[in-house]
Structures are given as structure tokens and as C-alpha cells.
N, C-alpha and C. Protein backbone atom coordinates (compact mmCIF):
# COMPACT_ATOMS: atom_id res chain seq x y z
N MET A 1 0.85 -1.18 0.01
CA MET A 1 0.01 -0.03 0.01
C MET A 1 0.87 1.20 0.01
N GLU A 2 0.86 1.96 -1.13
CA GLU A 2 1.75 3.11 -1.23
C GLU A 2 1.22 4.35 -0.52
N LYS A 3 2.12 5.01 0.20
CA LYS A 3 1.79 6.23 0.89
C LYS A 3 2.51 7.42 0.30
N HIS A 4 1.79 8.48 0.09
CA HIS A 4 2.36 9.70 -0.55
C HIS A 4 2.38 10.85 0.51
N ASN A 5 3.44 11.63 0.45
CA ASN A 5 3.54 12.75 1.41
C ASN A 5 3.57 14.10 0.64
N TYR A 6 2.80 15.08 1.09
CA TYR A 6 2.74 16.37 0.48
C TYR A 6 2.80 17.50 1.51
N ILE A 7 3.47 18.57 1.12
CA ILE A 7 3.65 19.70 2.10
C ILE A 7 3.05 21.01 1.46
N GLY A 8 2.35 21.75 2.27
CA GLY A 8 1.76 23.01 1.83
C GLY A 8 1.77 24.01 2.97
N LYS A 9 1.46 25.31 2.63
CA LYS A 9 1.41 26.28 3.68
C LYS A 9 0.14 26.06 4.53
N THR A 10 -0.89 25.43 3.92
CA THR A 10 -2.10 25.02 4.62
C THR A 10 -2.41 23.60 4.27
N LYS A 11 -3.28 23.00 5.04
CA LYS A 11 -3.67 21.64 4.75
C LYS A 11 -4.36 21.50 3.40
N GLU A 12 -5.23 22.57 3.08
CA GLU A 12 -5.96 22.61 1.85
C GLU A 12 -4.94 22.70 0.64
N GLU A 13 -3.86 23.41 0.77
CA GLU A 13 -2.86 23.46 -0.23
C GLU A 13 -2.16 22.13 -0.55
N ALA A 14 -1.85 21.47 0.61
CA ALA A 14 -1.22 20.14 0.49
C ALA A 14 -2.19 19.16 -0.18
N ILE A 15 -3.45 19.21 0.19
CA ILE A 15 -4.44 18.32 -0.37
C ILE A 15 -4.57 18.59 -1.85
N GLN A 16 -4.56 19.86 -2.29
CA GLN A 16 -4.66 20.24 -3.69
C GLN A 16 -3.51 19.65 -4.48
N LYS A 17 -2.34 19.68 -3.90
CA LYS A 17 -1.15 19.11 -4.55
C LYS A 17 -1.33 17.60 -4.76
N ALA A 18 -1.86 16.97 -3.71
CA ALA A 18 -2.14 15.47 -3.83
C ALA A 18 -3.10 15.14 -4.87
N LYS A 19 -4.19 15.91 -4.97
CA LYS A 19 -5.24 15.71 -5.94
C LYS A 19 -4.71 15.87 -7.41
N GLU A 20 -3.87 16.88 -7.59
CA GLU A 20 -3.31 17.16 -8.91
C GLU A 20 -2.34 16.09 -9.33
N GLU A 21 -1.43 15.65 -8.36
CA GLU A 21 -0.46 14.64 -8.72
C GLU A 21 -1.04 13.28 -8.97
N LEU A 22 -1.99 12.90 -8.10
CA LEU A 22 -2.61 11.58 -8.12
C LEU A 22 -3.79 11.50 -9.12
N GLN A 23 -4.19 12.71 -9.58
CA GLN A 23 -5.33 12.74 -10.51
C GLN A 23 -6.56 12.03 -9.87
N GLU A 24 -6.88 12.42 -8.66
CA GLU A 24 -7.98 11.77 -7.89
C GLU A 24 -8.80 12.85 -7.19
N LEU A 25 -10.07 12.59 -6.93
CA LEU A 25 -10.96 13.42 -6.19
C LEU A 25 -10.64 13.17 -4.69
N GLU A 26 -10.91 14.23 -3.90
CA GLU A 26 -10.56 14.15 -2.45
C GLU A 26 -11.28 13.02 -1.79
N LYS A 27 -12.60 12.75 -2.25
CA LYS A 27 -13.39 11.70 -1.57
C LYS A 27 -12.74 10.30 -1.79
N ASN A 28 -11.88 10.19 -2.73
CA ASN A 28 -11.22 8.88 -3.06
C ASN A 28 -9.87 8.75 -2.35
N LEU A 29 -9.55 9.67 -1.46
CA LEU A 29 -8.28 9.63 -0.74
C LEU A 29 -8.45 9.57 0.77
N ILE A 30 -7.51 8.86 1.39
CA ILE A 30 -7.42 8.89 2.89
C ILE A 30 -6.32 9.80 3.20
N ILE A 31 -6.67 10.86 3.95
CA ILE A 31 -5.71 11.93 4.22
C ILE A 31 -5.41 12.06 5.75
N LYS A 32 -4.15 11.97 6.11
CA LYS A 32 -3.76 12.13 7.53
C LYS A 32 -2.75 13.25 7.70
N GLU A 33 -2.95 14.19 8.55
CA GLU A 33 -1.96 15.23 8.84
C GLU A 33 -0.90 14.62 9.68
N VAL A 34 0.35 14.64 9.23
CA VAL A 34 1.40 14.04 9.95
C VAL A 34 2.35 14.98 10.73
N GLU A 35 2.44 16.25 10.21
CA GLU A 35 3.35 17.21 10.92
C GLU A 35 3.03 18.58 10.55
N THR A 36 3.27 19.49 11.48
CA THR A 36 3.20 20.92 11.28
C THR A 36 4.51 21.54 11.71
N THR A 37 5.20 22.18 10.82
CA THR A 37 6.51 22.73 11.15
C THR A 37 6.51 24.25 10.94
N LYS A 38 7.35 24.94 11.71
CA LYS A 38 7.59 26.38 11.49
C LYS A 38 9.05 26.59 11.20
N SER A 39 9.35 27.32 10.10
CA SER A 39 10.79 27.46 9.73
C SER A 39 10.99 28.89 9.21
N GLY A 40 12.27 29.18 9.10
CA GLY A 40 12.66 30.51 8.54
C GLY A 40 12.65 31.60 9.61
N LEU A 41 13.03 32.76 9.15
CA LEU A 41 13.16 33.91 10.03
C LEU A 41 11.78 34.34 10.56
N PHE A 42 10.76 34.30 9.77
CA PHE A 42 9.43 34.71 10.19
C PHE A 42 8.54 33.54 10.61
N LYS A 43 9.20 32.39 10.84
CA LYS A 43 8.48 31.20 11.29
C LYS A 43 7.26 30.82 10.46
N SER A 44 7.40 30.77 9.18
CA SER A 44 6.23 30.42 8.33
C SER A 44 5.88 28.93 8.54
N LYS A 45 4.61 28.69 8.65
CA LYS A 45 4.08 27.39 9.00
C LYS A 45 3.94 26.48 7.74
N LYS A 46 4.27 25.23 7.87
CA LYS A 46 4.13 24.26 6.82
C LYS A 46 3.37 23.01 7.29
N ILE A 47 2.46 22.53 6.51
CA ILE A 47 1.63 21.34 6.93
C ILE A 47 2.09 20.18 6.01
N GLU A 48 2.37 19.07 6.61
CA GLU A 48 2.66 17.86 5.90
C GLU A 48 1.52 16.79 6.04
N ILE A 49 1.05 16.29 4.91
CA ILE A 49 0.03 15.21 5.04
C ILE A 49 0.44 13.93 4.41
N GLU A 50 -0.09 12.87 4.85
CA GLU A 50 0.17 11.51 4.23
C GLU A 50 -1.15 11.10 3.54
N VAL A 51 -1.01 10.64 2.32
CA VAL A 51 -2.15 10.38 1.52
C VAL A 51 -2.10 8.91 0.94
N ILE A 52 -3.24 8.19 1.05
CA ILE A 52 -3.33 6.87 0.48
C ILE A 52 -4.55 6.84 -0.36
N GLU A 53 -4.49 6.30 -1.61
CA GLU A 53 -5.64 6.15 -2.41
C GLU A 53 -6.52 4.98 -2.00
N LYS A 54 -7.83 5.26 -1.86
CA LYS A 54 -8.84 4.26 -1.40
C LYS A 54 -8.70 3.00 -2.23
N ARG A 55 -8.52 3.08 -3.53
CA ARG A 55 -8.49 1.90 -4.34
C ARG A 55 -7.34 0.97 -4.01
N GLN A 56 -6.27 1.60 -3.44
CA GLN A 56 -5.14 0.77 -2.99
C GLN A 56 -5.48 0.03 -1.73
N ILE A 57 -6.30 0.71 -0.85
CA ILE A 57 -6.66 0.12 0.40
C ILE A 57 -7.55 -1.11 0.18
N ILE A 58 -8.45 -0.94 -0.84
CA ILE A 58 -9.37 -2.06 -1.21
C ILE A 58 -8.59 -3.28 -1.67
N LYS A 59 -7.56 -3.03 -2.50
CA LYS A 59 -6.70 -4.13 -2.92
C LYS A 59 -5.85 -4.69 -1.81
N TYR A 60 -5.36 -3.83 -0.93
CA TYR A 60 -4.53 -4.19 0.26
C TYR A 60 -5.26 -5.17 1.15
N ILE A 61 -6.54 -4.84 1.47
CA ILE A 61 -7.37 -5.69 2.38
C ILE A 61 -7.50 -7.08 1.78
N LYS A 62 -7.76 -7.16 0.48
CA LYS A 62 -7.90 -8.45 -0.17
C LYS A 62 -6.64 -9.27 -0.05
N GLU A 63 -5.54 -8.65 -0.32
CA GLU A 63 -4.20 -9.38 -0.26
C GLU A 63 -3.88 -9.77 1.16
N PHE A 64 -4.23 -8.93 2.11
CA PHE A 64 -3.98 -9.21 3.55
C PHE A 64 -4.80 -10.44 3.99
N LEU A 65 -6.07 -10.44 3.60
CA LEU A 65 -6.94 -11.57 3.88
C LEU A 65 -6.47 -12.92 3.30
N ILE A 66 -6.06 -12.85 2.12
CA ILE A 66 -5.57 -14.09 1.40
C ILE A 66 -4.34 -14.61 2.11
N ASN A 67 -3.37 -13.71 2.42
CA ASN A 67 -2.15 -14.16 3.14
C ASN A 67 -2.43 -14.63 4.57
N LEU A 68 -3.30 -13.97 5.24
CA LEU A 68 -3.64 -14.37 6.59
C LEU A 68 -4.26 -15.71 6.67
N LEU A 69 -5.26 -15.96 5.74
CA LEU A 69 -5.96 -17.23 5.72
C LEU A 69 -5.08 -18.40 5.20
N LYS A 70 -4.14 -18.04 4.31
CA LYS A 70 -3.17 -18.97 3.81
C LYS A 70 -2.35 -19.53 4.94
N GLU A 71 -1.97 -18.70 5.90
CA GLU A 71 -1.19 -19.12 7.05
C GLU A 71 -1.99 -20.03 7.94
N MET A 72 -3.33 -19.91 7.86
CA MET A 72 -4.20 -20.75 8.65
C MET A 72 -4.53 -22.04 7.90
N GLY A 73 -3.94 -22.17 6.69
CA GLY A 73 -4.12 -23.42 5.87
C GLY A 73 -5.42 -23.34 5.07
N LEU A 74 -5.98 -22.18 4.87
CA LEU A 74 -7.21 -22.08 4.11
C LEU A 74 -6.98 -21.35 2.74
N LYS A 75 -7.59 -21.95 1.72
CA LYS A 75 -7.53 -21.33 0.35
C LYS A 75 -8.83 -20.60 0.21
N VAL A 76 -8.70 -19.32 -0.23
CA VAL A 76 -9.93 -18.52 -0.40
C VAL A 76 -10.01 -17.82 -1.75
N ASN A 77 -11.18 -17.66 -2.28
CA ASN A 77 -11.46 -16.70 -3.35
C ASN A 77 -12.24 -15.59 -2.76
N ILE A 78 -11.92 -14.36 -3.18
CA ILE A 78 -12.63 -13.18 -2.61
C ILE A 78 -13.29 -12.31 -3.64
N GLU A 79 -14.56 -12.07 -3.52
CA GLU A 79 -15.29 -11.21 -4.42
C GLU A 79 -15.53 -9.86 -3.63
N ILE A 80 -15.29 -8.77 -4.29
CA ILE A 80 -15.52 -7.43 -3.70
C ILE A 80 -16.72 -6.78 -4.30
N LYS A 81 -17.63 -6.32 -3.46
CA LYS A 81 -18.80 -5.56 -3.91
C LYS A 81 -18.80 -4.15 -3.29
N ASN A 82 -19.55 -3.25 -3.92
CA ASN A 82 -19.78 -1.88 -3.36
C ASN A 82 -18.47 -1.18 -3.05
N LYS A 83 -17.56 -1.11 -4.00
CA LYS A 83 -16.22 -0.49 -3.81
C LYS A 83 -16.24 0.96 -3.48
N GLU A 84 -17.31 1.65 -3.88
CA GLU A 84 -17.33 3.10 -3.78
C GLU A 84 -17.53 3.62 -2.31
N GLU A 85 -18.40 2.95 -1.55
CA GLU A 85 -18.73 3.44 -0.21
C GLU A 85 -18.12 2.56 0.89
N ASN A 86 -18.78 1.39 1.09
CA ASN A 86 -18.37 0.47 2.17
C ASN A 86 -18.08 -0.87 1.48
N PRO A 87 -16.79 -1.12 1.04
CA PRO A 87 -16.51 -2.35 0.33
C PRO A 87 -16.88 -3.56 1.12
N LYS A 88 -17.47 -4.53 0.42
CA LYS A 88 -17.90 -5.76 1.06
C LYS A 88 -17.06 -6.90 0.44
N TYR A 89 -16.37 -7.67 1.28
CA TYR A 89 -15.49 -8.79 0.89
C TYR A 89 -16.27 -10.05 1.14
N ILE A 90 -16.58 -10.82 0.10
CA ILE A 90 -17.27 -12.07 0.28
C ILE A 90 -16.23 -13.18 0.04
N LEU A 91 -16.01 -13.99 1.09
CA LEU A 91 -15.02 -15.04 1.04
C LEU A 91 -15.70 -16.39 0.65
N PHE A 92 -15.03 -17.10 -0.25
CA PHE A 92 -15.47 -18.46 -0.60
C PHE A 92 -14.26 -19.34 -0.35
N SER A 93 -14.41 -20.34 0.56
CA SER A 93 -13.27 -21.17 0.86
C SER A 93 -13.66 -22.74 0.78
N ASP A 94 -12.61 -23.48 1.13
CA ASP A 94 -12.82 -24.93 1.13
C ASP A 94 -13.33 -25.35 2.57
N ASN A 95 -13.49 -24.37 3.50
CA ASN A 95 -14.03 -24.73 4.85
C ASN A 95 -14.75 -23.47 5.38
N ASP A 96 -15.90 -23.20 4.72
CA ASP A 96 -16.70 -22.00 5.13
C ASP A 96 -17.14 -22.06 6.62
N ALA A 97 -17.49 -23.30 7.04
CA ALA A 97 -18.03 -23.49 8.42
C ALA A 97 -16.97 -23.06 9.44
N LEU A 98 -15.70 -23.37 9.17
CA LEU A 98 -14.63 -22.93 10.10
C LEU A 98 -14.46 -21.40 10.06
N LEU A 99 -14.51 -20.84 8.87
CA LEU A 99 -14.36 -19.40 8.77
C LEU A 99 -15.50 -18.63 9.51
N ILE A 100 -16.73 -19.20 9.42
CA ILE A 100 -17.88 -18.51 10.04
C ILE A 100 -17.87 -18.77 11.55
N GLY A 101 -17.56 -20.00 12.01
CA GLY A 101 -17.64 -20.29 13.38
C GLY A 101 -19.09 -20.31 13.97
N LYS A 102 -19.20 -20.74 15.18
CA LYS A 102 -20.59 -20.79 15.83
C LYS A 102 -21.14 -19.38 15.97
N ASN A 103 -22.31 -19.24 15.37
CA ASN A 103 -23.10 -17.94 15.34
C ASN A 103 -22.20 -16.81 14.78
N GLY A 104 -21.27 -17.16 13.87
CA GLY A 104 -20.49 -16.15 13.16
C GLY A 104 -19.32 -15.66 14.03
N LYS A 105 -18.96 -16.38 15.06
CA LYS A 105 -17.91 -15.93 16.07
C LYS A 105 -16.56 -15.75 15.35
N ASN A 106 -16.14 -16.72 14.54
CA ASN A 106 -14.83 -16.63 13.81
C ASN A 106 -14.79 -15.53 12.81
N LEU A 107 -15.92 -15.30 12.12
CA LEU A 107 -16.03 -14.29 11.15
C LEU A 107 -15.86 -12.91 11.75
N LYS A 108 -16.50 -12.74 12.93
CA LYS A 108 -16.40 -11.49 13.69
C LYS A 108 -15.00 -11.22 14.19
N ALA A 109 -14.30 -12.31 14.65
CA ALA A 109 -12.93 -12.21 15.05
C ALA A 109 -12.02 -11.80 13.92
N LEU A 110 -12.25 -12.39 12.76
CA LEU A 110 -11.49 -12.08 11.59
C LEU A 110 -11.65 -10.60 11.18
N SER A 111 -12.86 -10.07 11.26
CA SER A 111 -13.15 -8.66 11.01
C SER A 111 -12.34 -7.76 11.97
N ILE A 112 -12.34 -8.18 13.18
CA ILE A 112 -11.64 -7.31 14.25
C ILE A 112 -10.12 -7.29 13.94
N ILE A 113 -9.58 -8.45 13.51
CA ILE A 113 -8.13 -8.53 13.23
C ILE A 113 -7.78 -7.58 12.08
N VAL A 114 -8.62 -7.64 11.02
CA VAL A 114 -8.37 -6.77 9.85
C VAL A 114 -8.57 -5.26 10.18
N SER A 115 -9.58 -4.94 11.01
CA SER A 115 -9.84 -3.62 11.43
C SER A 115 -8.72 -3.00 12.21
N GLN A 116 -8.20 -3.84 13.16
CA GLN A 116 -7.08 -3.32 13.98
C GLN A 116 -5.82 -3.14 13.16
N HIS A 117 -5.57 -4.02 12.23
CA HIS A 117 -4.38 -3.90 11.43
C HIS A 117 -4.46 -2.67 10.52
N LEU A 118 -5.68 -2.39 10.00
CA LEU A 118 -5.85 -1.21 9.12
C LEU A 118 -5.76 0.08 9.90
N ASN A 119 -6.32 0.01 11.11
CA ASN A 119 -6.24 1.18 11.97
C ASN A 119 -4.79 1.62 12.29
N LYS A 120 -4.01 0.58 12.48
CA LYS A 120 -2.54 0.79 12.72
C LYS A 120 -1.89 1.41 11.47
N GLU A 121 -2.23 0.94 10.31
CA GLU A 121 -1.63 1.33 9.06
C GLU A 121 -2.03 2.69 8.59
N LEU A 122 -3.39 2.95 8.82
CA LEU A 122 -3.98 4.24 8.31
C LEU A 122 -4.04 5.34 9.36
N GLY A 123 -4.03 4.92 10.63
CA GLY A 123 -4.17 5.95 11.71
C GLY A 123 -5.60 6.38 11.85
N GLN A 124 -6.55 5.67 11.30
CA GLN A 124 -7.93 6.03 11.40
C GLN A 124 -8.81 4.81 11.04
N ASN A 125 -10.07 4.88 11.35
CA ASN A 125 -10.98 3.78 11.03
C ASN A 125 -11.32 3.74 9.54
N TYR A 126 -11.50 2.57 9.00
CA TYR A 126 -11.90 2.45 7.58
C TYR A 126 -12.99 1.39 7.55
N LYS A 127 -14.17 1.83 6.99
CA LYS A 127 -15.34 0.90 7.01
C LYS A 127 -15.25 -0.07 5.86
N PHE A 128 -15.54 -1.32 6.26
CA PHE A 128 -15.62 -2.39 5.26
C PHE A 128 -16.45 -3.49 5.88
N THR A 129 -16.90 -4.45 5.08
CA THR A 129 -17.70 -5.59 5.61
C THR A 129 -17.06 -6.91 5.15
N LEU A 130 -17.05 -7.91 6.08
CA LEU A 130 -16.53 -9.23 5.69
C LEU A 130 -17.72 -10.19 5.73
N ASP A 131 -17.82 -11.09 4.79
CA ASP A 131 -18.90 -12.08 4.77
C ASP A 131 -18.24 -13.36 4.20
N VAL A 132 -18.88 -14.47 4.57
CA VAL A 132 -18.45 -15.81 4.05
C VAL A 132 -19.56 -16.39 3.26
N ASN A 133 -19.46 -16.45 1.94
CA ASN A 133 -20.49 -17.14 1.08
C ASN A 133 -21.87 -16.60 1.37
N GLU A 134 -22.00 -15.23 1.52
CA GLU A 134 -23.27 -14.62 1.87
C GLU A 134 -23.92 -15.08 3.12
N TYR A 135 -23.12 -15.55 4.08
CA TYR A 135 -23.65 -16.03 5.36
C TYR A 135 -24.50 -14.98 6.08
N LYS A 136 -23.92 -13.74 6.13
CA LYS A 136 -24.61 -12.66 6.88
C LYS A 136 -25.97 -12.33 6.29
N GLU A 137 -26.02 -12.30 4.94
CA GLU A 137 -27.27 -11.99 4.29
C GLU A 137 -28.32 -13.09 4.54
N LYS A 138 -27.85 -14.35 4.41
CA LYS A 138 -28.81 -15.47 4.67
C LYS A 138 -29.20 -15.52 6.13
N ARG A 139 -28.26 -15.27 7.01
CA ARG A 139 -28.59 -15.24 8.44
C ARG A 139 -29.62 -14.15 8.75
N GLU A 140 -29.36 -12.99 8.20
CA GLU A 140 -30.29 -11.89 8.40
C GLU A 140 -31.70 -12.20 8.00
N LYS A 141 -31.82 -12.78 6.85
CA LYS A 141 -33.17 -13.16 6.37
C LYS A 141 -33.81 -14.20 7.22
N SER A 142 -33.02 -15.20 7.67
CA SER A 142 -33.61 -16.23 8.52
C SER A 142 -34.05 -15.70 9.88
N LEU A 143 -33.32 -14.71 10.37
CA LEU A 143 -33.68 -14.08 11.66
C LEU A 143 -34.95 -13.24 11.52
N GLU A 144 -35.01 -12.56 10.42
CA GLU A 144 -36.27 -11.78 10.13
C GLU A 144 -37.50 -12.69 10.05
N ILE A 145 -37.33 -13.82 9.40
CA ILE A 145 -38.44 -14.77 9.28
C ILE A 145 -38.83 -15.31 10.66
N LEU A 146 -37.79 -15.68 11.45
CA LEU A 146 -38.02 -16.21 12.77
C LEU A 146 -38.66 -15.21 13.71
N ALA A 147 -38.23 -13.95 13.59
CA ALA A 147 -38.78 -12.90 14.47
C ALA A 147 -40.30 -12.69 14.15
N LYS A 148 -40.66 -12.68 12.89
CA LYS A 148 -42.08 -12.55 12.50
C LYS A 148 -42.91 -13.69 12.94
N LYS A 149 -42.38 -14.92 12.82
CA LYS A 149 -43.08 -16.12 13.21
C LYS A 149 -43.34 -16.09 14.72
N LEU A 150 -42.33 -15.83 15.52
CA LEU A 150 -42.46 -15.75 16.96
C LEU A 150 -43.44 -14.66 17.43
N ALA A 151 -43.36 -13.52 16.68
CA ALA A 151 -44.30 -12.42 16.99
C ALA A 151 -45.77 -12.86 16.85
N LYS A 152 -46.00 -13.64 15.79
CA LYS A 152 -47.37 -14.14 15.55
C LYS A 152 -47.83 -15.03 16.66
N GLU A 153 -46.89 -15.82 17.16
CA GLU A 153 -47.15 -16.77 18.29
C GLU A 153 -47.50 -15.99 19.54
N VAL A 154 -46.74 -14.90 19.79
CA VAL A 154 -46.96 -14.10 20.99
C VAL A 154 -48.31 -13.35 20.91
N ILE A 155 -48.62 -12.91 19.69
CA ILE A 155 -49.92 -12.17 19.49
C ILE A 155 -51.08 -13.16 19.71
N SER A 156 -50.92 -14.39 19.31
CA SER A 156 -51.93 -15.40 19.41
C SER A 156 -52.10 -15.83 20.86
N THR A 157 -51.03 -16.11 21.55
CA THR A 157 -51.12 -16.64 22.94
C THR A 157 -51.11 -15.62 24.04
N LYS A 158 -50.61 -14.39 23.72
CA LYS A 158 -50.43 -13.35 24.73
C LYS A 158 -49.36 -13.75 25.80
N ILE A 159 -48.50 -14.69 25.38
CA ILE A 159 -47.40 -15.13 26.26
C ILE A 159 -46.09 -14.71 25.63
N GLU A 160 -45.16 -14.11 26.41
CA GLU A 160 -43.90 -13.65 25.91
C GLU A 160 -42.99 -14.85 25.54
N VAL A 161 -42.11 -14.63 24.52
CA VAL A 161 -41.26 -15.72 24.08
C VAL A 161 -39.74 -15.27 24.31
N LYS A 162 -39.00 -16.14 24.90
CA LYS A 162 -37.59 -15.86 25.14
C LYS A 162 -36.79 -16.55 23.97
N MET A 163 -36.00 -15.74 23.24
CA MET A 163 -35.20 -16.33 22.18
C MET A 163 -33.83 -16.82 22.67
N ASP A 164 -33.12 -17.51 21.86
CA ASP A 164 -31.76 -18.01 22.23
C ASP A 164 -30.85 -16.77 22.30
N SER A 165 -29.67 -16.93 23.01
CA SER A 165 -28.72 -15.81 23.10
C SER A 165 -28.16 -15.55 21.75
N MET A 166 -27.86 -14.32 21.50
CA MET A 166 -27.32 -13.80 20.23
C MET A 166 -26.34 -12.70 20.45
N ASN A 167 -25.51 -12.42 19.45
CA ASN A 167 -24.67 -11.28 19.51
C ASN A 167 -25.38 -9.96 19.26
N SER A 168 -24.74 -8.87 19.42
CA SER A 168 -25.42 -7.53 19.29
C SER A 168 -25.93 -7.28 17.87
N TYR A 169 -25.19 -7.75 16.91
CA TYR A 169 -25.54 -7.60 15.46
C TYR A 169 -26.86 -8.33 15.17
N GLU A 170 -27.00 -9.57 15.68
CA GLU A 170 -28.20 -10.35 15.46
C GLU A 170 -29.37 -9.81 16.22
N ARG A 171 -29.11 -9.37 17.49
CA ARG A 171 -30.24 -8.80 18.27
C ARG A 171 -30.78 -7.53 17.61
N ARG A 172 -29.89 -6.77 17.02
CA ARG A 172 -30.31 -5.55 16.36
C ARG A 172 -31.26 -5.87 15.19
N ILE A 173 -31.00 -7.00 14.51
CA ILE A 173 -31.88 -7.39 13.39
C ILE A 173 -33.30 -7.66 13.90
N ILE A 174 -33.36 -8.41 15.05
CA ILE A 174 -34.66 -8.75 15.62
C ILE A 174 -35.41 -7.46 16.06
N HIS A 175 -34.65 -6.61 16.75
CA HIS A 175 -35.24 -5.38 17.18
C HIS A 175 -35.86 -4.58 16.00
N ASN A 176 -35.06 -4.42 14.93
CA ASN A 176 -35.47 -3.64 13.80
C ASN A 176 -36.63 -4.27 13.03
N THR A 177 -36.63 -5.60 13.00
CA THR A 177 -37.75 -6.30 12.35
C THR A 177 -39.09 -6.05 12.95
N LEU A 178 -39.08 -6.03 14.31
CA LEU A 178 -40.34 -5.85 15.02
C LEU A 178 -40.58 -4.47 15.62
N ALA A 179 -39.71 -3.55 15.17
CA ALA A 179 -39.85 -2.18 15.80
C ALA A 179 -41.18 -1.53 15.55
N ASN A 180 -41.78 -1.73 14.39
CA ASN A 180 -43.10 -1.15 14.06
C ASN A 180 -44.30 -1.99 14.26
N ASN A 181 -44.07 -3.13 14.89
CA ASN A 181 -45.18 -4.02 15.16
C ASN A 181 -46.19 -3.45 16.20
N LYS A 182 -47.46 -3.44 15.88
CA LYS A 182 -48.41 -2.81 16.75
C LYS A 182 -48.78 -3.63 17.98
N TYR A 183 -48.47 -4.94 18.01
CA TYR A 183 -48.91 -5.82 18.97
C TYR A 183 -47.84 -6.38 19.90
N VAL A 184 -46.59 -6.35 19.47
CA VAL A 184 -45.48 -6.81 20.31
C VAL A 184 -44.34 -5.82 20.40
N TYR A 185 -43.53 -6.00 21.41
CA TYR A 185 -42.28 -5.21 21.50
C TYR A 185 -41.14 -6.10 21.97
N THR A 186 -39.88 -5.69 21.80
CA THR A 186 -38.75 -6.52 22.07
C THR A 186 -37.90 -5.87 23.13
N GLU A 187 -37.32 -6.79 23.97
CA GLU A 187 -36.34 -6.27 24.97
C GLU A 187 -35.17 -7.19 25.06
N SER A 188 -33.95 -6.65 25.19
CA SER A 188 -32.75 -7.45 25.41
C SER A 188 -32.59 -7.70 26.89
N GLU A 189 -32.29 -8.92 27.29
CA GLU A 189 -32.09 -9.24 28.69
C GLU A 189 -30.89 -10.09 28.88
N GLY A 190 -30.40 -10.28 30.09
CA GLY A 190 -29.21 -11.08 30.34
C GLY A 190 -27.92 -10.36 30.16
N GLU A 191 -26.82 -10.98 30.41
CA GLU A 191 -25.50 -10.47 30.26
C GLU A 191 -24.72 -11.07 29.14
N ASP A 192 -23.87 -10.27 28.48
CA ASP A 192 -23.04 -10.80 27.42
C ASP A 192 -22.08 -11.87 28.00
N PRO A 193 -21.75 -12.97 27.31
CA PRO A 193 -22.12 -13.24 25.97
C PRO A 193 -23.49 -13.98 25.78
N ASN A 194 -24.22 -14.05 26.85
CA ASN A 194 -25.48 -14.84 26.84
C ASN A 194 -26.72 -13.92 26.83
N ARG A 195 -26.52 -12.70 26.28
CA ARG A 195 -27.65 -11.77 26.18
C ARG A 195 -28.67 -12.24 25.13
N TYR A 196 -29.93 -12.16 25.41
CA TYR A 196 -30.97 -12.62 24.53
C TYR A 196 -32.15 -11.65 24.42
N ILE A 197 -33.06 -11.93 23.52
CA ILE A 197 -34.21 -11.09 23.26
C ILE A 197 -35.47 -11.76 23.79
N VAL A 198 -36.33 -10.99 24.39
CA VAL A 198 -37.66 -11.45 24.79
C VAL A 198 -38.66 -10.67 23.96
N ILE A 199 -39.61 -11.40 23.28
CA ILE A 199 -40.66 -10.75 22.56
C ILE A 199 -41.94 -10.77 23.39
N LYS A 200 -42.45 -9.57 23.65
CA LYS A 200 -43.51 -9.47 24.70
C LYS A 200 -44.75 -8.83 24.06
N PRO A 201 -45.90 -9.28 24.43
CA PRO A 201 -47.16 -8.64 23.94
C PRO A 201 -47.41 -7.28 24.53
N LYS A 202 -47.89 -6.35 23.65
CA LYS A 202 -48.18 -5.00 24.17
C LYS A 202 -49.55 -5.09 24.88
N GLU A 203 -49.62 -4.24 25.94
CA GLU A 203 -50.97 -4.19 26.61
C GLU A 203 -51.95 -3.46 25.79
N GLU A 204 -53.14 -4.00 25.74
CA GLU A 204 -54.22 -3.36 24.88
C GLU A 204 -54.77 -2.20 25.65
């Protein structure tokens, strides 16, 4: 991942130099101010910035993932979607179950490893999404179906239903699915990592 340094009297001037040399729009650059110096008789200020092109980061993440998983003995193919805003990396391997882990635990851990590494390299957060063979999308749909099914049961019996423990991402899907339901509401209970959702009937 190539880093470029530019100096200007102001940050805006340094950014303009970067845009002109790299022939890129500012929105396609990651910009970090690295140093402010004062020099000369009248102590004129100069700003130095470090610039990385986003397209290089997208490629870097893919290569980092391939090398990391290779060390774990896994061969993967990676498809990248939505490169403009929040790139989504979909992994296809010879052991998807291992990559995902129970309730997506291993997939979440892998996302944290990549995030921390990027944070160290870039000096700031960079948004991206990791998935394995569309696991997250399929899981989200199955949770939405389950939430609606259990809500119907609660409406019919007027008895609350306690769901299995879930991570915060999965609980949010349940909450969002039933947020506008007129007859039931959801509450998270318990302590992590065993926090769960209870679907309760609304009082008439």
C-alpha cells in the first residue's frame, strides 16, 4: 500500500497538490496530517500530510486476507462488492464453516483482526464488511423470518417468548424487524455473551 507525502502552507494547499499529482478526487483519498512545522526567520508554517488512495486500500485488504488465511491453511477466493462506499468482501473457501464459526464468532474475530491492522496502518478507522459465502445476508433473512413467526405466536397466545442468546448484530436485526409491530415489542435481557431477546405482547 503506497503512501504519498505532500507539504503546503495550509492543509488545503497540501491536499490540492495530492489531488493534482494523483489525479484523484478528495473523496477517493485517505488523508492524515502528519506534521506541522515552522521554519525560517518569520516562522512560516508548513503542513505535511500523508495520502493513500482508497482503491489501494481495497486491494490491500484483499491481499492481507488471502495471506492471513493462507497461514491458517485455508484457500480462499474473494469477491468485492460496493467498492465506492463500504466495500464488502465475500469469502469463498474450502471450509466455510470454520471461517464462520458458531453464530459467526470466527467471522467477527477475523473482521476485528483486519480492522485493527488497518487502523494501525492508516491511523484512522476504515469501513468495510466481511462475509463468507453470503452467510450474513442469509442469516439476516432467517432471523427476520424467525422474528415474525415468533411475533405471531406471541400475538396469538399473549405469552412472551424468550429467544436464544445472540450477539449484538443479530439482536439488532430482531429489534429492527419488530420495531413497528403494533402488537408486540422486544427487549434485550441477560449479560453478554449470553444476552438474549424477549418478545412481549403489548398491553391493549
